Amino acid sequence: GRDGCAGRVEVFFRGTWSTVCNSTW
């Protein structure tokens, strides 16, 4: 996104970065 307050949601968990599904977002 344009800065750290916009963009694709990514989570660091169990040692790696992953994306978040929008099925319940």
PDBML (XML) file of the C-alpha atoms, coordinates in Angstrom:
<?xml version="1.0" encoding="UTF-8" ?>
<PDBx:datablock datablockName="MODEL"
   xmlns:PDBx="http://pdbml.pdb.org/schema/pdbx-v50.xsd"
   xmlns:xsi="http://www.w3.org/2001/XMLSchema-instance"
   xsi:schemaLocation="http://pdbml.pdb.org/schema/pdbx-v50.xsd pdbx-v50.xsd">
   <PDBx:atom_siteCategory>
      <PDBx:atom_site id="1">
         <PDBx:B_iso_or_equiv>0.00</PDBx:B_iso_or_equiv>
         <PDBx:Cartn_x>0.000</PDBx:Cartn_x>
         <PDBx:Cartn_y>0.000</PDBx:Cartn_y>
         <PDBx:Cartn_z>0.000</PDBx:Cartn_z>
         <PDBx:auth_asym_id>A</PDBx:auth_asym_id>
         <PDBx:auth_atom_id>CA</PDBx:auth_atom_id>
         <PDBx:auth_comp_id>GLY</PDBx:auth_comp_id>
         <PDBx:auth_seq_id>1</PDBx:auth_seq_id>
         <PDBx:group_PDB>ATOM</PDBx:group_PDB>
         <PDBx:label_alt_id xsi:nil="true" />
         <PDBx:label_asym_id>A</PDBx:label_asym_id>
         <PDBx:label_atom_id>CA</PDBx:label_atom_id>
         <PDBx:label_comp_id>GLY</PDBx:label_comp_id>
         <PDBx:label_entity_id>1</PDBx:label_entity_id>
         <PDBx:label_seq_id>1</PDBx:label_seq_id>
         <PDBx:occupancy>1.00</PDBx:occupancy>
         <PDBx:pdbx_PDB_model_num>1</PDBx:pdbx_PDB_model_num>
         <PDBx:type_symbol>C</PDBx:type_symbol>
      </PDBx:atom_site>
      <PDBx:atom_site id="2">
         <PDBx:B_iso_or_equiv>0.00</PDBx:B_iso_or_equiv>
         <PDBx:Cartn_x>0.957</PDBx:Cartn_x>
         <PDBx:Cartn_y>3.661</PDBx:Cartn_y>
         <PDBx:Cartn_z>0.103</PDBx:Cartn_z>
         <PDBx:auth_asym_id>A</PDBx:auth_asym_id>
         <PDBx:auth_atom_id>CA</PDBx:auth_atom_id>
         <PDBx:auth_comp_id>ARG</PDBx:auth_comp_id>
         <PDBx:auth_seq_id>2</PDBx:auth_seq_id>
         <PDBx:group_PDB>ATOM</PDBx:group_PDB>
         <PDBx:label_alt_id xsi:nil="true" />
         <PDBx:label_asym_id>A</PDBx:label_asym_id>
         <PDBx:label_atom_id>CA</PDBx:label_atom_id>
         <PDBx:label_comp_id>ARG</PDBx:label_comp_id>
         <PDBx:label_entity_id>1</PDBx:label_entity_id>
         <PDBx:label_seq_id>2</PDBx:label_seq_id>
         <PDBx:occupancy>1.00</PDBx:occupancy>
         <PDBx:pdbx_PDB_model_num>1</PDBx:pdbx_PDB_model_num>
         <PDBx:type_symbol>C</PDBx:type_symbol>
      </PDBx:atom_site>
      <PDBx:atom_site id="3">
         <PDBx:B_iso_or_equiv>0.00</PDBx:B_iso_or_equiv>
         <PDBx:Cartn_x>2.283</PDBx:Cartn_x>
         <PDBx:Cartn_y>3.276</PDBx:Cartn_y>
         <PDBx:Cartn_z>3.661</PDBx:Cartn_z>
         <PDBx:auth_asym_id>A</PDBx:auth_asym_id>
         <PDBx:auth_atom_id>CA</PDBx:auth_atom_id>
         <PDBx:auth_comp_id>ASP</PDBx:auth_comp_id>
         <PDBx:auth_seq_id>3</PDBx:auth_seq_id>
         <PDBx:group_PDB>ATOM</PDBx:group_PDB>
         <PDBx:label_alt_id xsi:nil="true" />
         <PDBx:label_asym_id>A</PDBx:label_asym_id>
         <PDBx:label_atom_id>CA</PDBx:label_atom_id>
         <PDBx:label_comp_id>ASP</PDBx:label_comp_id>
         <PDBx:label_entity_id>1</PDBx:label_entity_id>
         <PDBx:label_seq_id>3</PDBx:label_seq_id>
         <PDBx:occupancy>1.00</PDBx:occupancy>
         <PDBx:pdbx_PDB_model_num>1</PDBx:pdbx_PDB_model_num>
         <PDBx:type_symbol>C</PDBx:type_symbol>
      </PDBx:atom_site>
      <PDBx:atom_site id="4">
         <PDBx:B_iso_or_equiv>0.00</PDBx:B_iso_or_equiv>
         <PDBx:Cartn_x>2.148</PDBx:Cartn_x>
         <PDBx:Cartn_y>0.905</PDBx:Cartn_y>
         <PDBx:Cartn_z>6.616</PDBx:Cartn_z>
         <PDBx:auth_asym_id>A</PDBx:auth_asym_id>
         <PDBx:auth_atom_id>CA</PDBx:auth_atom_id>
         <PDBx:auth_comp_id>GLY</PDBx:auth_comp_id>
         <PDBx:auth_seq_id>4</PDBx:auth_seq_id>
         <PDBx:group_PDB>ATOM</PDBx:group_PDB>
         <PDBx:label_alt_id xsi:nil="true" />
         <PDBx:label_asym_id>A</PDBx:label_asym_id>
         <PDBx:label_atom_id>CA</PDBx:label_atom_id>
         <PDBx:label_comp_id>GLY</PDBx:label_comp_id>
         <PDBx:label_entity_id>1</PDBx:label_entity_id>
         <PDBx:label_seq_id>4</PDBx:label_seq_id>
         <PDBx:occupancy>1.00</PDBx:occupancy>
         <PDBx:pdbx_PDB_model_num>1</PDBx:pdbx_PDB_model_num>
         <PDBx:type_symbol>C</PDBx:type_symbol>
      </PDBx:atom_site>
      <PDBx:atom_site id="5">
         <PDBx:B_iso_or_equiv>0.00</PDBx:B_iso_or_equiv>
         <PDBx:Cartn_x>-1.567</PDBx:Cartn_x>
         <PDBx:Cartn_y>1.636</PDBx:Cartn_y>
         <PDBx:Cartn_z>7.147</PDBx:Cartn_z>
         <PDBx:auth_asym_id>A</PDBx:auth_asym_id>
         <PDBx:auth_atom_id>CA</PDBx:auth_atom_id>
         <PDBx:auth_comp_id>CYS</PDBx:auth_comp_id>
         <PDBx:auth_seq_id>5</PDBx:auth_seq_id>
         <PDBx:group_PDB>ATOM</PDBx:group_PDB>
         <PDBx:label_alt_id xsi:nil="true" />
         <PDBx:label_asym_id>A</PDBx:label_asym_id>
         <PDBx:label_atom_id>CA</PDBx:label_atom_id>
         <PDBx:label_comp_id>CYS</PDBx:label_comp_id>
         <PDBx:label_entity_id>1</PDBx:label_entity_id>
         <PDBx:label_seq_id>5</PDBx:label_seq_id>
         <PDBx:occupancy>1.00</PDBx:occupancy>
         <PDBx:pdbx_PDB_model_num>1</PDBx:pdbx_PDB_model_num>
         <PDBx:type_symbol>C</PDBx:type_symbol>
      </PDBx:atom_site>
      <PDBx:atom_site id="6">
         <PDBx:B_iso_or_equiv>0.00</PDBx:B_iso_or_equiv>
         <PDBx:Cartn_x>-2.796</PDBx:Cartn_x>
         <PDBx:Cartn_y>0.205</PDBx:Cartn_y>
         <PDBx:Cartn_z>3.830</PDBx:Cartn_z>
         <PDBx:auth_asym_id>A</PDBx:auth_asym_id>
         <PDBx:auth_atom_id>CA</PDBx:auth_atom_id>
         <PDBx:auth_comp_id>ALA</PDBx:auth_comp_id>
         <PDBx:auth_seq_id>6</PDBx:auth_seq_id>
         <PDBx:group_PDB>ATOM</PDBx:group_PDB>
         <PDBx:label_alt_id xsi:nil="true" />
         <PDBx:label_asym_id>A</PDBx:label_asym_id>
         <PDBx:label_atom_id>CA</PDBx:label_atom_id>
         <PDBx:label_comp_id>ALA</PDBx:label_comp_id>
         <PDBx:label_entity_id>1</PDBx:label_entity_id>
         <PDBx:label_seq_id>6</PDBx:label_seq_id>
         <PDBx:occupancy>1.00</PDBx:occupancy>
         <PDBx:pdbx_PDB_model_num>1</PDBx:pdbx_PDB_model_num>
         <PDBx:type_symbol>C</PDBx:type_symbol>
      </PDBx:atom_site>
      <PDBx:atom_site id="7">
         <PDBx:B_iso_or_equiv>0.00</PDBx:B_iso_or_equiv>
         <PDBx:Cartn_x>-2.236</PDBx:Cartn_x>
         <PDBx:Cartn_y>-2.950</PDBx:Cartn_y>
         <PDBx:Cartn_z>1.826</PDBx:Cartn_z>
         <PDBx:auth_asym_id>A</PDBx:auth_asym_id>
         <PDBx:auth_atom_id>CA</PDBx:auth_atom_id>
         <PDBx:auth_comp_id>GLY</PDBx:auth_comp_id>
         <PDBx:auth_seq_id>7</PDBx:auth_seq_id>
         <PDBx:group_PDB>ATOM</PDBx:group_PDB>
         <PDBx:label_alt_id xsi:nil="true" />
         <PDBx:label_asym_id>A</PDBx:label_asym_id>
         <PDBx:label_atom_id>CA</PDBx:label_atom_id>
         <PDBx:label_comp_id>GLY</PDBx:label_comp_id>
         <PDBx:label_entity_id>1</PDBx:label_entity_id>
         <PDBx:label_seq_id>7</PDBx:label_seq_id>
         <PDBx:occupancy>1.00</PDBx:occupancy>
         <PDBx:pdbx_PDB_model_num>1</PDBx:pdbx_PDB_model_num>
         <PDBx:type_symbol>C</PDBx:type_symbol>
      </PDBx:atom_site>
      <PDBx:atom_site id="8">
         <PDBx:B_iso_or_equiv>0.00</PDBx:B_iso_or_equiv>
         <PDBx:Cartn_x>-2.416</PDBx:Cartn_x>
         <PDBx:Cartn_y>-6.720</PDBx:Cartn_y>
         <PDBx:Cartn_z>1.856</PDBx:Cartn_z>
         <PDBx:auth_asym_id>A</PDBx:auth_asym_id>
         <PDBx:auth_atom_id>CA</PDBx:auth_atom_id>
         <PDBx:auth_comp_id>ARG</PDBx:auth_comp_id>
         <PDBx:auth_seq_id>8</PDBx:auth_seq_id>
         <PDBx:group_PDB>ATOM</PDBx:group_PDB>
         <PDBx:label_alt_id xsi:nil="true" />
         <PDBx:label_asym_id>A</PDBx:label_asym_id>
         <PDBx:label_atom_id>CA</PDBx:label_atom_id>
         <PDBx:label_comp_id>ARG</PDBx:label_comp_id>
         <PDBx:label_entity_id>1</PDBx:label_entity_id>
         <PDBx:label_seq_id>8</PDBx:label_seq_id>
         <PDBx:occupancy>1.00</PDBx:occupancy>
         <PDBx:pdbx_PDB_model_num>1</PDBx:pdbx_PDB_model_num>
         <PDBx:type_symbol>C</PDBx:type_symbol>
      </PDBx:atom_site>
      <PDBx:atom_site id="9">
         <PDBx:B_iso_or_equiv>0.00</PDBx:B_iso_or_equiv>
         <PDBx:Cartn_x>-2.647</PDBx:Cartn_x>
         <PDBx:Cartn_y>-8.206</PDBx:Cartn_y>
         <PDBx:Cartn_z>5.382</PDBx:Cartn_z>
         <PDBx:auth_asym_id>A</PDBx:auth_asym_id>
         <PDBx:auth_atom_id>CA</PDBx:auth_atom_id>
         <PDBx:auth_comp_id>VAL</PDBx:auth_comp_id>
         <PDBx:auth_seq_id>9</PDBx:auth_seq_id>
         <PDBx:group_PDB>ATOM</PDBx:group_PDB>
         <PDBx:label_alt_id xsi:nil="true" />
         <PDBx:label_asym_id>A</PDBx:label_asym_id>
         <PDBx:label_atom_id>CA</PDBx:label_atom_id>
         <PDBx:label_comp_id>VAL</PDBx:label_comp_id>
         <PDBx:label_entity_id>1</PDBx:label_entity_id>
         <PDBx:label_seq_id>9</PDBx:label_seq_id>
         <PDBx:occupancy>1.00</PDBx:occupancy>
         <PDBx:pdbx_PDB_model_num>1</PDBx:pdbx_PDB_model_num>
         <PDBx:type_symbol>C</PDBx:type_symbol>
      </PDBx:atom_site>
      <PDBx:atom_site id="10">
         <PDBx:B_iso_or_equiv>0.00</PDBx:B_iso_or_equiv>
         <PDBx:Cartn_x>0.357</PDBx:Cartn_x>
         <PDBx:Cartn_y>-10.389</PDBx:Cartn_y>
         <PDBx:Cartn_z>6.243</PDBx:Cartn_z>
         <PDBx:auth_asym_id>A</PDBx:auth_asym_id>
         <PDBx:auth_atom_id>CA</PDBx:auth_atom_id>
         <PDBx:auth_comp_id>GLU</PDBx:auth_comp_id>
         <PDBx:auth_seq_id>10</PDBx:auth_seq_id>
         <PDBx:group_PDB>ATOM</PDBx:group_PDB>
         <PDBx:label_alt_id xsi:nil="true" />
         <PDBx:label_asym_id>A</PDBx:label_asym_id>
         <PDBx:label_atom_id>CA</PDBx:label_atom_id>
         <PDBx:label_comp_id>GLU</PDBx:label_comp_id>
         <PDBx:label_entity_id>1</PDBx:label_entity_id>
         <PDBx:label_seq_id>10</PDBx:label_seq_id>
         <PDBx:occupancy>1.00</PDBx:occupancy>
         <PDBx:pdbx_PDB_model_num>1</PDBx:pdbx_PDB_model_num>
         <PDBx:type_symbol>C</PDBx:type_symbol>
      </PDBx:atom_site>
      <PDBx:atom_site id="11">
         <PDBx:B_iso_or_equiv>0.00</PDBx:B_iso_or_equiv>
         <PDBx:Cartn_x>0.975</PDBx:Cartn_x>
         <PDBx:Cartn_y>-12.222</PDBx:Cartn_y>
         <PDBx:Cartn_z>9.517</PDBx:Cartn_z>
         <PDBx:auth_asym_id>A</PDBx:auth_asym_id>
         <PDBx:auth_atom_id>CA</PDBx:auth_atom_id>
         <PDBx:auth_comp_id>VAL</PDBx:auth_comp_id>
         <PDBx:auth_seq_id>11</PDBx:auth_seq_id>
         <PDBx:group_PDB>ATOM</PDBx:group_PDB>
         <PDBx:label_alt_id xsi:nil="true" />
         <PDBx:label_asym_id>A</PDBx:label_asym_id>
         <PDBx:label_atom_id>CA</PDBx:label_atom_id>
         <PDBx:label_comp_id>VAL</PDBx:label_comp_id>
         <PDBx:label_entity_id>1</PDBx:label_entity_id>
         <PDBx:label_seq_id>11</PDBx:label_seq_id>
         <PDBx:occupancy>1.00</PDBx:occupancy>
         <PDBx:pdbx_PDB_model_num>1</PDBx:pdbx_PDB_model_num>
         <PDBx:type_symbol>C</PDBx:type_symbol>
      </PDBx:atom_site>
      <PDBx:atom_site id="12">
         <PDBx:B_iso_or_equiv>0.00</PDBx:B_iso_or_equiv>
         <PDBx:Cartn_x>4.285</PDBx:Cartn_x>
         <PDBx:Cartn_y>-13.444</PDBx:Cartn_y>
         <PDBx:Cartn_z>10.947</PDBx:Cartn_z>
         <PDBx:auth_asym_id>A</PDBx:auth_asym_id>
         <PDBx:auth_atom_id>CA</PDBx:auth_atom_id>
         <PDBx:auth_comp_id>PHE</PDBx:auth_comp_id>
         <PDBx:auth_seq_id>12</PDBx:auth_seq_id>
         <PDBx:group_PDB>ATOM</PDBx:group_PDB>
         <PDBx:label_alt_id xsi:nil="true" />
         <PDBx:label_asym_id>A</PDBx:label_asym_id>
         <PDBx:label_atom_id>CA</PDBx:label_atom_id>
         <PDBx:label_comp_id>PHE</PDBx:label_comp_id>
         <PDBx:label_entity_id>1</PDBx:label_entity_id>
         <PDBx:label_seq_id>12</PDBx:label_seq_id>
         <PDBx:occupancy>1.00</PDBx:occupancy>
         <PDBx:pdbx_PDB_model_num>1</PDBx:pdbx_PDB_model_num>
         <PDBx:type_symbol>C</PDBx:type_symbol>
      </PDBx:atom_site>
      <PDBx:atom_site id="13">
         <PDBx:B_iso_or_equiv>0.00</PDBx:B_iso_or_equiv>
         <PDBx:Cartn_x>3.575</PDBx:Cartn_x>
         <PDBx:Cartn_y>-16.743</PDBx:Cartn_y>
         <PDBx:Cartn_z>12.696</PDBx:Cartn_z>
         <PDBx:auth_asym_id>A</PDBx:auth_asym_id>
         <PDBx:auth_atom_id>CA</PDBx:auth_atom_id>
         <PDBx:auth_comp_id>PHE</PDBx:auth_comp_id>
         <PDBx:auth_seq_id>13</PDBx:auth_seq_id>
         <PDBx:group_PDB>ATOM</PDBx:group_PDB>
         <PDBx:label_alt_id xsi:nil="true" />
         <PDBx:label_asym_id>A</PDBx:label_asym_id>
         <PDBx:label_atom_id>CA</PDBx:label_atom_id>
         <PDBx:label_comp_id>PHE</PDBx:label_comp_id>
         <PDBx:label_entity_id>1</PDBx:label_entity_id>
         <PDBx:label_seq_id>13</PDBx:label_seq_id>
         <PDBx:occupancy>1.00</PDBx:occupancy>
         <PDBx:pdbx_PDB_model_num>1</PDBx:pdbx_PDB_model_num>
         <PDBx:type_symbol>C</PDBx:type_symbol>
      </PDBx:atom_site>
      <PDBx:atom_site id="14">
         <PDBx:B_iso_or_equiv>0.00</PDBx:B_iso_or_equiv>
         <PDBx:Cartn_x>5.655</PDBx:Cartn_x>
         <PDBx:Cartn_y>-19.877</PDBx:Cartn_y>
         <PDBx:Cartn_z>13.372</PDBx:Cartn_z>
         <PDBx:auth_asym_id>A</PDBx:auth_asym_id>
         <PDBx:auth_atom_id>CA</PDBx:auth_atom_id>
         <PDBx:auth_comp_id>ARG</PDBx:auth_comp_id>
         <PDBx:auth_seq_id>14</PDBx:auth_seq_id>
         <PDBx:group_PDB>ATOM</PDBx:group_PDB>
         <PDBx:label_alt_id xsi:nil="true" />
         <PDBx:label_asym_id>A</PDBx:label_asym_id>
         <PDBx:label_atom_id>CA</PDBx:label_atom_id>
         <PDBx:label_comp_id>ARG</PDBx:label_comp_id>
         <PDBx:label_entity_id>1</PDBx:label_entity_id>
         <PDBx:label_seq_id>14</PDBx:label_seq_id>
         <PDBx:occupancy>1.00</PDBx:occupancy>
         <PDBx:pdbx_PDB_model_num>1</PDBx:pdbx_PDB_model_num>
         <PDBx:type_symbol>C</PDBx:type_symbol>
      </PDBx:atom_site>
      <PDBx:atom_site id="15">
         <PDBx:B_iso_or_equiv>0.00</PDBx:B_iso_or_equiv>
         <PDBx:Cartn_x>8.723</PDBx:Cartn_x>
         <PDBx:Cartn_y>-18.268</PDBx:Cartn_y>
         <PDBx:Cartn_z>11.878</PDBx:Cartn_z>
         <PDBx:auth_asym_id>A</PDBx:auth_asym_id>
         <PDBx:auth_atom_id>CA</PDBx:auth_atom_id>
         <PDBx:auth_comp_id>GLY</PDBx:auth_comp_id>
         <PDBx:auth_seq_id>15</PDBx:auth_seq_id>
         <PDBx:group_PDB>ATOM</PDBx:group_PDB>
         <PDBx:label_alt_id xsi:nil="true" />
         <PDBx:label_asym_id>A</PDBx:label_asym_id>
         <PDBx:label_atom_id>CA</PDBx:label_atom_id>
         <PDBx:label_comp_id>GLY</PDBx:label_comp_id>
         <PDBx:label_entity_id>1</PDBx:label_entity_id>
         <PDBx:label_seq_id>15</PDBx:label_seq_id>
         <PDBx:occupancy>1.00</PDBx:occupancy>
         <PDBx:pdbx_PDB_model_num>1</PDBx:pdbx_PDB_model_num>
         <PDBx:type_symbol>C</PDBx:type_symbol>
      </PDBx:atom_site>
      <PDBx:atom_site id="16">
         <PDBx:B_iso_or_equiv>0.00</PDBx:B_iso_or_equiv>
         <PDBx:Cartn_x>7.315</PDBx:Cartn_x>
         <PDBx:Cartn_y>-17.211</PDBx:Cartn_y>
         <PDBx:Cartn_z>8.495</PDBx:Cartn_z>
         <PDBx:auth_asym_id>A</PDBx:auth_asym_id>
         <PDBx:auth_atom_id>CA</PDBx:auth_atom_id>
         <PDBx:auth_comp_id>THR</PDBx:auth_comp_id>
         <PDBx:auth_seq_id>16</PDBx:auth_seq_id>
         <PDBx:group_PDB>ATOM</PDBx:group_PDB>
         <PDBx:label_alt_id xsi:nil="true" />
         <PDBx:label_asym_id>A</PDBx:label_asym_id>
         <PDBx:label_atom_id>CA</PDBx:label_atom_id>
         <PDBx:label_comp_id>THR</PDBx:label_comp_id>
         <PDBx:label_entity_id>1</PDBx:label_entity_id>
         <PDBx:label_seq_id>16</PDBx:label_seq_id>
         <PDBx:occupancy>1.00</PDBx:occupancy>
         <PDBx:pdbx_PDB_model_num>1</PDBx:pdbx_PDB_model_num>
         <PDBx:type_symbol>C</PDBx:type_symbol>
      </PDBx:atom_site>
      <PDBx:atom_site id="17">
         <PDBx:B_iso_or_equiv>0.00</PDBx:B_iso_or_equiv>
         <PDBx:Cartn_x>5.162</PDBx:Cartn_x>
         <PDBx:Cartn_y>-14.532</PDBx:Cartn_y>
         <PDBx:Cartn_z>6.826</PDBx:Cartn_z>
         <PDBx:auth_asym_id>A</PDBx:auth_asym_id>
         <PDBx:auth_atom_id>CA</PDBx:auth_atom_id>
         <PDBx:auth_comp_id>TRP</PDBx:auth_comp_id>
         <PDBx:auth_seq_id>17</PDBx:auth_seq_id>
         <PDBx:group_PDB>ATOM</PDBx:group_PDB>
         <PDBx:label_alt_id xsi:nil="true" />
         <PDBx:label_asym_id>A</PDBx:label_asym_id>
         <PDBx:label_atom_id>CA</PDBx:label_atom_id>
         <PDBx:label_comp_id>TRP</PDBx:label_comp_id>
         <PDBx:label_entity_id>1</PDBx:label_entity_id>
         <PDBx:label_seq_id>17</PDBx:label_seq_id>
         <PDBx:occupancy>1.00</PDBx:occupancy>
         <PDBx:pdbx_PDB_model_num>1</PDBx:pdbx_PDB_model_num>
         <PDBx:type_symbol>C</PDBx:type_symbol>
      </PDBx:atom_site>
      <PDBx:atom_site id="18">
         <PDBx:B_iso_or_equiv>0.00</PDBx:B_iso_or_equiv>
         <PDBx:Cartn_x>1.739</PDBx:Cartn_x>
         <PDBx:Cartn_y>-15.676</PDBx:Cartn_y>
         <PDBx:Cartn_z>5.539</PDBx:Cartn_z>
         <PDBx:auth_asym_id>A</PDBx:auth_asym_id>
         <PDBx:auth_atom_id>CA</PDBx:auth_atom_id>
         <PDBx:auth_comp_id>SER</PDBx:auth_comp_id>
         <PDBx:auth_seq_id>18</PDBx:auth_seq_id>
         <PDBx:group_PDB>ATOM</PDBx:group_PDB>
         <PDBx:label_alt_id xsi:nil="true" />
         <PDBx:label_asym_id>A</PDBx:label_asym_id>
         <PDBx:label_atom_id>CA</PDBx:label_atom_id>
         <PDBx:label_comp_id>SER</PDBx:label_comp_id>
         <PDBx:label_entity_id>1</PDBx:label_entity_id>
         <PDBx:label_seq_id>18</PDBx:label_seq_id>
         <PDBx:occupancy>1.00</PDBx:occupancy>
         <PDBx:pdbx_PDB_model_num>1</PDBx:pdbx_PDB_model_num>
         <PDBx:type_symbol>C</PDBx:type_symbol>
      </PDBx:atom_site>
      <PDBx:atom_site id="19">
         <PDBx:B_iso_or_equiv>0.00</PDBx:B_iso_or_equiv>
         <PDBx:Cartn_x>-1.319</PDBx:Cartn_x>
         <PDBx:Cartn_y>-14.019</PDBx:Cartn_y>
         <PDBx:Cartn_z>3.999</PDBx:Cartn_z>
         <PDBx:auth_asym_id>A</PDBx:auth_asym_id>
         <PDBx:auth_atom_id>CA</PDBx:auth_atom_id>
         <PDBx:auth_comp_id>THR</PDBx:auth_comp_id>
         <PDBx:auth_seq_id>19</PDBx:auth_seq_id>
         <PDBx:group_PDB>ATOM</PDBx:group_PDB>
         <PDBx:label_alt_id xsi:nil="true" />
         <PDBx:label_asym_id>A</PDBx:label_asym_id>
         <PDBx:label_atom_id>CA</PDBx:label_atom_id>
         <PDBx:label_comp_id>THR</PDBx:label_comp_id>
         <PDBx:label_entity_id>1</PDBx:label_entity_id>
         <PDBx:label_seq_id>19</PDBx:label_seq_id>
         <PDBx:occupancy>1.00</PDBx:occupancy>
         <PDBx:pdbx_PDB_model_num>1</PDBx:pdbx_PDB_model_num>
         <PDBx:type_symbol>C</PDBx:type_symbol>
      </PDBx:atom_site>
      <PDBx:atom_site id="20">
         <PDBx:B_iso_or_equiv>0.00</PDBx:B_iso_or_equiv>
         <PDBx:Cartn_x>-4.773</PDBx:Cartn_x>
         <PDBx:Cartn_y>-13.806</PDBx:Cartn_y>
         <PDBx:Cartn_z>5.599</PDBx:Cartn_z>
         <PDBx:auth_asym_id>A</PDBx:auth_asym_id>
         <PDBx:auth_atom_id>CA</PDBx:auth_atom_id>
         <PDBx:auth_comp_id>VAL</PDBx:auth_comp_id>
         <PDBx:auth_seq_id>20</PDBx:auth_seq_id>
         <PDBx:group_PDB>ATOM</PDBx:group_PDB>
         <PDBx:label_alt_id xsi:nil="true" />
         <PDBx:label_asym_id>A</PDBx:label_asym_id>
         <PDBx:label_atom_id>CA</PDBx:label_atom_id>
         <PDBx:label_comp_id>VAL</PDBx:label_comp_id>
         <PDBx:label_entity_id>1</PDBx:label_entity_id>
         <PDBx:label_seq_id>20</PDBx:label_seq_id>
         <PDBx:occupancy>1.00</PDBx:occupancy>
         <PDBx:pdbx_PDB_model_num>1</PDBx:pdbx_PDB_model_num>
         <PDBx:type_symbol>C</PDBx:type_symbol>
      </PDBx:atom_site>
      <PDBx:atom_site id="21">
         <PDBx:B_iso_or_equiv>0.00</PDBx:B_iso_or_equiv>
         <PDBx:Cartn_x>-7.866</PDBx:Cartn_x>
         <PDBx:Cartn_y>-15.209</PDBx:Cartn_y>
         <PDBx:Cartn_z>3.840</PDBx:Cartn_z>
         <PDBx:auth_asym_id>A</PDBx:auth_asym_id>
         <PDBx:auth_atom_id>CA</PDBx:auth_atom_id>
         <PDBx:auth_comp_id>CYS</PDBx:auth_comp_id>
         <PDBx:auth_seq_id>21</PDBx:auth_seq_id>
         <PDBx:group_PDB>ATOM</PDBx:group_PDB>
         <PDBx:label_alt_id xsi:nil="true" />
         <PDBx:label_asym_id>A</PDBx:label_asym_id>
         <PDBx:label_atom_id>CA</PDBx:label_atom_id>
         <PDBx:label_comp_id>CYS</PDBx:label_comp_id>
         <PDBx:label_entity_id>1</PDBx:label_entity_id>
         <PDBx:label_seq_id>21</PDBx:label_seq_id>
         <PDBx:occupancy>1.00</PDBx:occupancy>
         <PDBx:pdbx_PDB_model_num>1</PDBx:pdbx_PDB_model_num>
         <PDBx:type_symbol>C</PDBx:type_symbol>
      </PDBx:atom_site>
      <PDBx:atom_site id="22">
         <PDBx:B_iso_or_equiv>0.00</PDBx:B_iso_or_equiv>
         <PDBx:Cartn_x>-10.772</PDBx:Cartn_x>
         <PDBx:Cartn_y>-12.809</PDBx:Cartn_y>
         <PDBx:Cartn_z>3.271</PDBx:Cartn_z>
         <PDBx:auth_asym_id>A</PDBx:auth_asym_id>
         <PDBx:auth_atom_id>CA</PDBx:auth_atom_id>
         <PDBx:auth_comp_id>ASN</PDBx:auth_comp_id>
         <PDBx:auth_seq_id>22</PDBx:auth_seq_id>
         <PDBx:group_PDB>ATOM</PDBx:group_PDB>
         <PDBx:label_alt_id xsi:nil="true" />
         <PDBx:label_asym_id>A</PDBx:label_asym_id>
         <PDBx:label_atom_id>CA</PDBx:label_atom_id>
         <PDBx:label_comp_id>ASN</PDBx:label_comp_id>
         <PDBx:label_entity_id>1</PDBx:label_entity_id>
         <PDBx:label_seq_id>22</PDBx:label_seq_id>
         <PDBx:occupancy>1.00</PDBx:occupancy>
         <PDBx:pdbx_PDB_model_num>1</PDBx:pdbx_PDB_model_num>
         <PDBx:type_symbol>C</PDBx:type_symbol>
      </PDBx:atom_site>
      <PDBx:atom_site id="23">
         <PDBx:B_iso_or_equiv>0.00</PDBx:B_iso_or_equiv>
         <PDBx:Cartn_x>-13.439</PDBx:Cartn_x>
         <PDBx:Cartn_y>-15.498</PDBx:Cartn_y>
         <PDBx:Cartn_z>3.759</PDBx:Cartn_z>
         <PDBx:auth_asym_id>A</PDBx:auth_asym_id>
         <PDBx:auth_atom_id>CA</PDBx:auth_atom_id>
         <PDBx:auth_comp_id>SER</PDBx:auth_comp_id>
         <PDBx:auth_seq_id>23</PDBx:auth_seq_id>
         <PDBx:group_PDB>ATOM</PDBx:group_PDB>
         <PDBx:label_alt_id xsi:nil="true" />
         <PDBx:label_asym_id>A</PDBx:label_asym_id>
         <PDBx:label_atom_id>CA</PDBx:label_atom_id>
         <PDBx:label_comp_id>SER</PDBx:label_comp_id>
         <PDBx:label_entity_id>1</PDBx:label_entity_id>
         <PDBx:label_seq_id>23</PDBx:label_seq_id>
         <PDBx:occupancy>1.00</PDBx:occupancy>
         <PDBx:pdbx_PDB_model_num>1</PDBx:pdbx_PDB_model_num>
         <PDBx:type_symbol>C</PDBx:type_symbol>
      </PDBx:atom_site>
      <PDBx:atom_site id="24">
         <PDBx:B_iso_or_equiv>0.00</PDBx:B_iso_or_equiv>
         <PDBx:Cartn_x>-14.076</PDBx:Cartn_x>
         <PDBx:Cartn_y>-14.201</PDBx:Cartn_y>
         <PDBx:Cartn_z>7.304</PDBx:Cartn_z>
         <PDBx:auth_asym_id>A</PDBx:auth_asym_id>
         <PDBx:auth_atom_id>CA</PDBx:auth_atom_id>
         <PDBx:auth_comp_id>THR</PDBx:auth_comp_id>
         <PDBx:auth_seq_id>24</PDBx:auth_seq_id>
         <PDBx:group_PDB>ATOM</PDBx:group_PDB>
         <PDBx:label_alt_id xsi:nil="true" />
         <PDBx:label_asym_id>A</PDBx:label_asym_id>
         <PDBx:label_atom_id>CA</PDBx:label_atom_id>
         <PDBx:label_comp_id>THR</PDBx:label_comp_id>
         <PDBx:label_entity_id>1</PDBx:label_entity_id>
         <PDBx:label_seq_id>24</PDBx:label_seq_id>
         <PDBx:occupancy>1.00</PDBx:occupancy>
         <PDBx:pdbx_PDB_model_num>1</PDBx:pdbx_PDB_model_num>
         <PDBx:type_symbol>C</PDBx:type_symbol>
      </PDBx:atom_site>
      <PDBx:atom_site id="25">
         <PDBx:B_iso_or_equiv>0.00</PDBx:B_iso_or_equiv>
         <PDBx:Cartn_x>-12.456</PDBx:Cartn_x>
         <PDBx:Cartn_y>-10.755</PDBx:Cartn_y>
         <PDBx:Cartn_z>6.922</PDBx:Cartn_z>
         <PDBx:auth_asym_id>A</PDBx:auth_asym_id>
         <PDBx:auth_atom_id>CA</PDBx:auth_atom_id>
         <PDBx:auth_comp_id>TRP</PDBx:auth_comp_id>
         <PDBx:auth_seq_id>25</PDBx:auth_seq_id>
         <PDBx:group_PDB>ATOM</PDBx:group_PDB>
         <PDBx:label_alt_id xsi:nil="true" />
         <PDBx:label_asym_id>A</PDBx:label_asym_id>
         <PDBx:label_atom_id>CA</PDBx:label_atom_id>
         <PDBx:label_comp_id>TRP</PDBx:label_comp_id>
         <PDBx:label_entity_id>1</PDBx:label_entity_id>
         <PDBx:label_seq_id>25</PDBx:label_seq_id>
         <PDBx:occupancy>1.00</PDBx:occupancy>
         <PDBx:pdbx_PDB_model_num>1</PDBx:pdbx_PDB_model_num>
         <PDBx:type_symbol>C</PDBx:type_symbol>
      </PDBx:atom_site>
   </PDBx:atom_siteCategory>
</PDBx:datablock>
